[in-house]
PDB file of N, CA and C in Angstrom:
ATOM      1  N   UNK A   1     111.671 133.058 108.381  1.00  0.00           N
ATOM      2  CA  UNK A   1     112.412 133.612 109.480  1.00  0.00           C
ATOM      3  C   UNK A   1     111.409 134.006 110.568  1.00  0.00           C
ATOM      4  N   UNK A   2     111.725 133.699 111.774  1.00  0.00           N
ATOM      5  CA  UNK A   2     110.918 134.118 112.909  1.00  0.00           C
ATOM      6  C   UNK A   2     111.736 135.140 113.682  1.00  0.00           C
ATOM      7  N   UNK A   3     111.122 136.277 113.983  1.00  0.00           N
ATOM      8  CA  UNK A   3     111.814 137.339 114.710  1.00  0.00           C
ATOM      9  C   UNK A   3     111.023 137.712 115.951  1.00  0.00           C
ATOM     10  N   UNK A   4     111.696 138.258 116.916  1.00  0.00           N
ATOM     11  CA  UNK A   4     111.059 138.744 118.132  1.00  0.00           C
ATOM     12  C   UNK A   4     111.178 140.264 118.101  1.00  0.00           C
ATOM     13  N   UNK A   5     110.110 140.924 118.494  1.00  0.00           N
ATOM     14  CA  UNK A   5     110.115 142.379 118.453  1.00  0.00           C
ATOM     15  C   UNK A   5     109.377 142.860 117.214  1.00  0.00           C
ATOM     16  N   UNK A   6     109.804 143.963 116.654  1.00  0.00           N
ATOM     17  CA  UNK A   6     109.200 144.531 115.442  1.00  0.00           C
ATOM     18  C   UNK A   6     107.693 144.703 115.611  1.00  0.00           C
ATOM     19  N   UNK A   7     107.297 145.137 116.796  1.00  0.00           N
ATOM     20  CA  UNK A   7     105.883 145.260 117.164  1.00  0.00           C
ATOM     21  C   UNK A   7     105.080 146.095 116.167  1.00  0.00           C
ATOM     22  N   UNK A   8     105.718 147.094 115.572  1.00  0.00           N
ATOM     23  CA  UNK A   8     104.985 147.998 114.688  1.00  0.00           C
ATOM     24  C   UNK A   8     105.233 147.720 113.207  1.00  0.00           C
ATOM     25  N   UNK A   9     105.969 146.680 112.894  1.00  0.00           N
ATOM     26  CA  UNK A   9     106.262 146.343 111.496  1.00  0.00           C
ATOM     27  C   UNK A   9     105.025 145.727 110.833  1.00  0.00           C
ATOM     28  N   UNK A  10     104.818 146.007 109.549  1.00  0.00           N
ATOM     29  CA  UNK A  10     103.661 145.441 108.832  1.00  0.00           C
ATOM     30  C   UNK A  10     103.950 144.027 108.320  1.00  0.00           C
ATOM     31  N   UNK A  11     104.215 143.118 109.259  1.00  0.00           N
ATOM     32  CA  UNK A  11     104.512 141.725 108.932  1.00  0.00           C
ATOM     33  C   UNK A  11     103.553 140.824 109.718  1.00  0.00           C
ATOM     34  N   UNK A  12     103.309 139.591 109.236  1.00  0.00           N
ATOM     35  CA  UNK A  12     102.451 138.680 110.003  1.00  0.00           C
ATOM     36  C   UNK A  12     103.060 138.420 111.387  1.00  0.00           C
ATOM     37  N   UNK A  13     102.211 138.508 112.405  1.00  0.00           N
ATOM     38  CA  UNK A  13     102.692 138.352 113.781  1.00  0.00           C
ATOM     39  C   UNK A  13     101.798 137.411 114.576  1.00  0.00           C
ATOM     40  N   UNK A  14     102.411 136.782 115.557  1.00  0.00           N
ATOM     41  CA  UNK A  14     101.718 135.963 116.540  1.00  0.00           C
ATOM     42  C   UNK A  14     101.813 136.720 117.857  1.00  0.00           C
ATOM     43  N   UNK A  15     100.678 137.107 118.403  1.00  0.00           N
ATOM     44  CA  UNK A  15     100.702 137.809 119.691  1.00  0.00           C
ATOM     45  C   UNK A  15     100.819 136.782 120.804  1.00  0.00           C
ATOM     46  N   UNK A  16     101.806 136.960 121.659  1.00  0.00           N
ATOM     47  CA  UNK A  16     101.999 136.104 122.831  1.00  0.00           C
ATOM     48  C   UNK A  16     101.595 136.945 124.031  1.00  0.00           C
ATOM     49  N   UNK A  17     100.549 136.496 124.732  1.00  0.00           N
ATOM     50  CA  UNK A  17      99.968 137.307 125.804  1.00  0.00           C
ATOM     51  C   UNK A  17      99.717 136.470 127.049  1.00  0.00           C
ATOM     52  N   UNK A  18     100.200 136.975 128.165  1.00  0.00           N
ATOM     53  CA  UNK A  18      99.962 136.335 129.466  1.00  0.00           C
ATOM     54  C   UNK A  18      99.102 137.272 130.313  1.00  0.00           C
ATOM     55  N   UNK A  19      98.040 136.743 130.876  1.00  0.00           N
ATOM     56  CA  UNK A  19      97.111 137.535 131.676  1.00  0.00           C
ATOM     57  C   UNK A  19      97.807 138.197 132.861  1.00  0.00           C
ATOM     58  N   UNK A  20      98.760 137.508 133.455  1.00  0.00           N
ATOM     59  CA  UNK A  20      99.403 138.004 134.671  1.00  0.00           C
ATOM     60  C   UNK A  20     100.193 139.294 134.464  1.00  0.00           C
ATOM     61  N   UNK A  21     100.522 139.634 133.221  1.00  0.00           N
ATOM     62  CA  UNK A  21     101.287 140.864 132.987  1.00  0.00           C
ATOM     63  C   UNK A  21     100.454 142.115 133.198  1.00  0.00           C
ATOM     64  N   UNK A  22      99.141 141.989 133.042  1.00  0.00           N
ATOM     65  CA  UNK A  22      98.279 143.149 133.174  1.00  0.00           C
ATOM     66  C   UNK A  22      98.308 144.068 131.954  1.00  0.00           C
ATOM     67  N   UNK A  23      99.069 143.711 130.944  1.00  0.00           N
ATOM     68  CA  UNK A  23      99.155 144.504 129.717  1.00  0.00           C
ATOM     69  C   UNK A  23      97.921 144.245 128.857  1.00  0.00           C
ATOM     70  N   UNK A  24      97.560 145.223 128.061  1.00  0.00           N
ATOM     71  CA  UNK A  24      96.446 145.059 127.147  1.00  0.00           C
ATOM     72  C   UNK A  24      96.840 144.217 125.944  1.00  0.00           C
ATOM     73  N   UNK A  25      95.848 143.728 125.252  1.00  0.00           N
ATOM     74  CA  UNK A  25      96.076 142.955 124.031  1.00  0.00           C
ATOM     75  C   UNK A  25      96.380 143.891 122.867  1.00  0.00           C
ATOM     76  N   UNK A  26      97.226 143.439 121.957  1.00  0.00           N
ATOM     77  CA  UNK A  26      97.612 144.233 120.796  1.00  0.00           C
ATOM     78  C   UNK A  26      96.751 143.959 119.568  1.00  0.00           C
ATOM     79  N   UNK A  27      96.245 142.720 119.441  1.00  0.00           N
ATOM     80  CA  UNK A  27      95.590 142.332 118.187  1.00  0.00           C
ATOM     81  C   UNK A  27      94.366 143.162 117.807  1.00  0.00           C
ATOM     82  N   UNK A  28      93.613 143.734 118.748  1.00  0.00           N
ATOM     83  CA  UNK A  28      92.469 144.538 118.299  1.00  0.00           C
ATOM     84  C   UNK A  28      92.873 145.771 117.475  1.00  0.00           C
ATOM     85  N   UNK A  29      94.096 146.257 117.672  1.00  0.00           N
ATOM     86  CA  UNK A  29      94.556 147.436 116.943  1.00  0.00           C
ATOM     87  C   UNK A  29      95.588 147.114 115.875  1.00  0.00           C
ATOM     88  N   UNK A  30      95.966 145.871 115.713  1.00  0.00           N
ATOM     89  CA  UNK A  30      97.021 145.509 114.754  1.00  0.00           C
ATOM     90  C   UNK A  30      96.499 144.463 113.772  1.00  0.00           C
ATOM     91  N   UNK A  31      96.213 144.864 112.546  1.00  0.00           N
ATOM     92  CA  UNK A  31      95.673 143.918 111.565  1.00  0.00           C
ATOM     93  C   UNK A  31      96.695 142.891 111.080  1.00  0.00           C
ATOM     94  N   UNK A  32      97.953 143.037 111.464  1.00  0.00           N
ATOM     95  CA  UNK A  32      98.989 142.103 111.033  1.00  0.00           C
ATOM     96  C   UNK A  32      99.134 140.911 111.983  1.00  0.00           C
ATOM     97  N   UNK A  33      98.457 140.948 113.123  1.00  0.00           N
ATOM     98  CA  UNK A  33      98.479 139.816 114.045  1.00  0.00           C
ATOM     99  C   UNK A  33      97.526 138.756 113.509  1.00  0.00           C
ATOM    100  N   UNK A  34      98.056 137.548 113.313  1.00  0.00           N
ATOM    101  CA  UNK A  34      97.279 136.471 112.676  1.00  0.00           C
ATOM    102  C   UNK A  34      96.763 135.431 113.667  1.00  0.00           C
ATOM    103  N   UNK A  35      97.278 135.447 114.901  1.00  0.00           N
ATOM    104  CA  UNK A  35      96.835 134.507 115.934  1.00  0.00           C
ATOM    105  C   UNK A  35      97.326 135.008 117.286  1.00  0.00           C
ATOM    106  N   UNK A  36      96.722 134.448 118.333  1.00  0.00           N
ATOM    107  CA  UNK A  36      97.106 134.801 119.699  1.00  0.00           C
ATOM    108  C   UNK A  36      97.475 133.516 120.439  1.00  0.00           C
ATOM    109  N   UNK A  37      98.624 133.535 121.100  1.00  0.00           N
ATOM    110  CA  UNK A  37      99.019 132.431 121.982  1.00  0.00           C
ATOM    111  C   UNK A  37      98.937 132.964 123.403  1.00  0.00           C
ATOM    112  N   UNK A  38      98.199 132.269 124.255  1.00  0.00           N
ATOM    113  CA  UNK A  38      97.971 132.779 125.601  1.00  0.00           C
ATOM    114  C   UNK A  38      97.796 131.652 126.607  1.00  0.00           C
ATOM    115  N   UNK A  39      97.922 132.038 127.869  1.00  0.00           N
ATOM    116  CA  UNK A  39      97.671 131.108 128.967  1.00  0.00           C
ATOM    117  C   UNK A  39      96.297 131.366 129.587  1.00  0.00           C
ATOM    118  N   UNK A  40      95.506 132.225 128.927  1.00  0.00           N
ATOM    119  CA  UNK A  40      94.182 132.580 129.434  1.00  0.00           C
ATOM    120  C   UNK A  40      93.184 132.603 128.287  1.00  0.00           C
ATOM    121  N   UNK A  41      91.912 132.604 128.633  1.00  0.00           N
ATOM    122  CA  UNK A  41      90.872 132.731 127.612  1.00  0.00           C
ATOM    123  C   UNK A  41      90.911 134.165 127.096  1.00  0.00           C
ATOM    124  N   UNK A  42      90.922 134.299 125.786  1.00  0.00           N
ATOM    125  CA  UNK A  42      90.963 135.616 125.152  1.00  0.00           C
ATOM    126  C   UNK A  42      89.800 135.709 124.183  1.00  0.00           C
ATOM    127  N   UNK A  43      89.050 136.784 124.256  1.00  0.00           N
ATOM    128  CA  UNK A  43      87.961 137.010 123.309  1.00  0.00           C
ATOM    129  C   UNK A  43      88.570 137.535 122.017  1.00  0.00           C
ATOM    130  N   UNK A  44      88.547 136.705 120.989  1.00  0.00           N
ATOM    131  CA  UNK A  44      89.120 137.079 119.705  1.00  0.00           C
ATOM    132  C   UNK A  44      88.509 136.240 118.602  1.00  0.00           C
ATOM    133  N   UNK A  45      88.505 136.793 117.407  1.00  0.00           N
ATOM    134  CA  UNK A  45      88.074 136.032 116.239  1.00  0.00           C
ATOM    135  C   UNK A  45      89.268 135.338 115.594  1.00  0.00           C
ATOM    136  N   UNK A  46      90.467 135.653 116.053  1.00  0.00           N
ATOM    137  CA  UNK A  46      91.689 135.034 115.537  1.00  0.00           C
ATOM    138  C   UNK A  46      91.853 133.642 116.139  1.00  0.00           C
ATOM    139  N   UNK A  47      92.674 132.808 115.508  1.00  0.00           N
ATOM    140  CA  UNK A  47      92.989 131.524 116.138  1.00  0.00           C
ATOM    141  C   UNK A  47      93.623 131.774 117.513  1.00  0.00           C
ATOM    142  N   UNK A  48      93.151 131.031 118.518  1.00  0.00           N
ATOM    143  CA  UNK A  48      93.682 131.147 119.875  1.00  0.00           C
ATOM    144  C   UNK A  48      94.439 129.866 120.190  1.00  0.00           C
ATOM    145  N   UNK A  49      95.714 130.002 120.483  1.00  0.00           N
ATOM    146  CA  UNK A  49      96.591 128.868 120.745  1.00  0.00           C
ATOM    147  C   UNK A  49      97.000 128.860 122.214  1.00  0.00           C
ATOM    148  N   UNK A  50      97.093 127.678 122.792  1.00  0.00           N
ATOM    149  CA  UNK A  50      97.559 127.529 124.169  1.00  0.00           C
ATOM    150  C   UNK A  50      99.068 127.765 124.179  1.00  0.00           C
ATOM    151  N   UNK A  51      99.495 128.722 124.967  1.00  0.00           N
ATOM    152  CA  UNK A  51     100.909 129.101 125.009  1.00  0.00           C
ATOM    153  C   UNK A  51     101.807 127.938 125.439  1.00  0.00           C
ATOM    154  N   UNK A  52     101.236 126.934 126.105  1.00  0.00           N
ATOM    155  CA  UNK A  52     102.017 125.788 126.585  1.00  0.00           C
ATOM    156  C   UNK A  52     102.066 124.632 125.587  1.00  0.00           C
ATOM    157  N   UNK A  53     101.429 124.794 124.441  1.00  0.00           N
ATOM    158  CA  UNK A  53     101.422 123.740 123.418  1.00  0.00           C
ATOM    159  C   UNK A  53     102.319 124.152 122.252  1.00  0.00           C
ATOM    160  N   UNK A  54     103.620 124.038 122.486  1.00  0.00           N
ATOM    161  CA  UNK A  54     104.606 124.502 121.506  1.00  0.00           C
ATOM    162  C   UNK A  54     104.459 123.824 120.147  1.00  0.00           C
ATOM    163  N   UNK A  55     104.155 122.537 120.138  1.00  0.00           N
ATOM    164  CA  UNK A  55     104.017 121.811 118.870  1.00  0.00           C
ATOM    165  C   UNK A  55     102.836 122.351 118.067  1.00  0.00           C
ATOM    166  N   UNK A  56     101.745 122.662 118.732  1.00  0.00           N
ATOM    167  CA  UNK A  56     100.578 123.210 118.032  1.00  0.00           C
ATOM    168  C   UNK A  56     100.877 124.598 117.482  1.00  0.00           C
ATOM    169  N   UNK A  57     101.607 125.395 118.241  1.00  0.00           N
ATOM    170  CA  UNK A  57     102.004 126.722 117.762  1.00  0.00           C
ATOM    171  C   UNK A  57     102.901 126.579 116.536  1.00  0.00           C
ATOM    172  N   UNK A  58     103.852 125.678 116.598  1.00  0.00           N
ATOM    173  CA  UNK A  58     104.752 125.446 115.462  1.00  0.00           C
ATOM    174  C   UNK A  58     103.955 124.979 114.245  1.00  0.00           C
ATOM    175  N   UNK A  59     103.002 124.083 114.440  1.00  0.00           N
ATOM    176  CA  UNK A  59     102.159 123.616 113.338  1.00  0.00           C
ATOM    177  C   UNK A  59     101.373 124.768 112.721  1.00  0.00           C
ATOM    178  N   UNK A  60     100.836 125.648 113.558  1.00  0.00           N
ATOM    179  CA  UNK A  60     100.100 126.798 113.047  1.00  0.00           C
ATOM    180  C   UNK A  60     100.999 127.667 112.178  1.00  0.00           C
ATOM    181  N   UNK A  61     102.202 127.945 112.651  1.00  0.00           N
ATOM    182  CA  UNK A  61     103.132 128.792 111.896  1.00  0.00           C
ATOM    183  C   UNK A  61     103.468 128.152 110.551  1.00  0.00           C
ATOM    184  N   UNK A  62     103.772 126.868 110.560  1.00  0.00           N
ATOM    185  CA  UNK A  62     104.117 126.162 109.318  1.00  0.00           C
ATOM    186  C   UNK A  62     102.952 126.222 108.333  1.00  0.00           C
ATOM    187  N   UNK A  63     101.740 125.963 108.814  1.00  0.00           N
ATOM    188  CA  UNK A  63     100.561 125.991 107.931  1.00  0.00           C
ATOM    189  C   UNK A  63     100.264 127.408 107.449  1.00  0.00           C
ATOM    190  N   UNK A  64     100.363 128.382 108.346  1.00  0.00           N
ATOM    191  CA  UNK A  64     100.070 129.770 107.982  1.00  0.00           C
ATOM    192  C   UNK A  64     101.019 130.268 106.889  1.00  0.00           C
ATOM    193  N   UNK A  65     102.256 129.845 106.957  1.00  0.00           N
ATOM    194  CA  UNK A  65     103.258 130.281 105.981  1.00  0.00           C
ATOM    195  C   UNK A  65     103.343 129.356 104.771  1.00  0.00           C
ATOM    196  N   UNK A  66     102.420 128.389 104.705  1.00  0.00           N
ATOM    197  CA  UNK A  66     102.396 127.426 103.584  1.00  0.00           C
ATOM    198  C   UNK A  66     103.733 126.723 103.409  1.00  0.00           C
ATOM    199  N   UNK A  67     104.315 126.293 104.490  1.00  0.00           N
ATOM    200  CA  UNK A  67     105.600 125.596 104.448  1.00  0.00           C
ATOM    201  C   UNK A  67     105.423 124.083 104.430  1.00  0.00           C
ATOM    202  N   UNK A  68     104.197 123.622 104.598  1.00  0.00           N
ATOM    203  CA  UNK A  68     103.958 122.172 104.593  1.00  0.00           C
ATOM    204  C   UNK A  68     102.919 121.809 103.569  1.00  0.00           C
TER     205      UNK A  68
END
């Protein structure tokens, strides 16, 4: 199941971040974030996915959840 929201839930999450929002990144303080999808370069040790590559994001989710 994929859900939107539940920012503070202890579940695996994909952070979706756009530079233009001016908001800070969540993954440095949330150990449940497993990857970041963004339209900008992000300094992270997590997998960084291009927010415009939906197929690659879907592939990451499938592999991360061992569904394939």
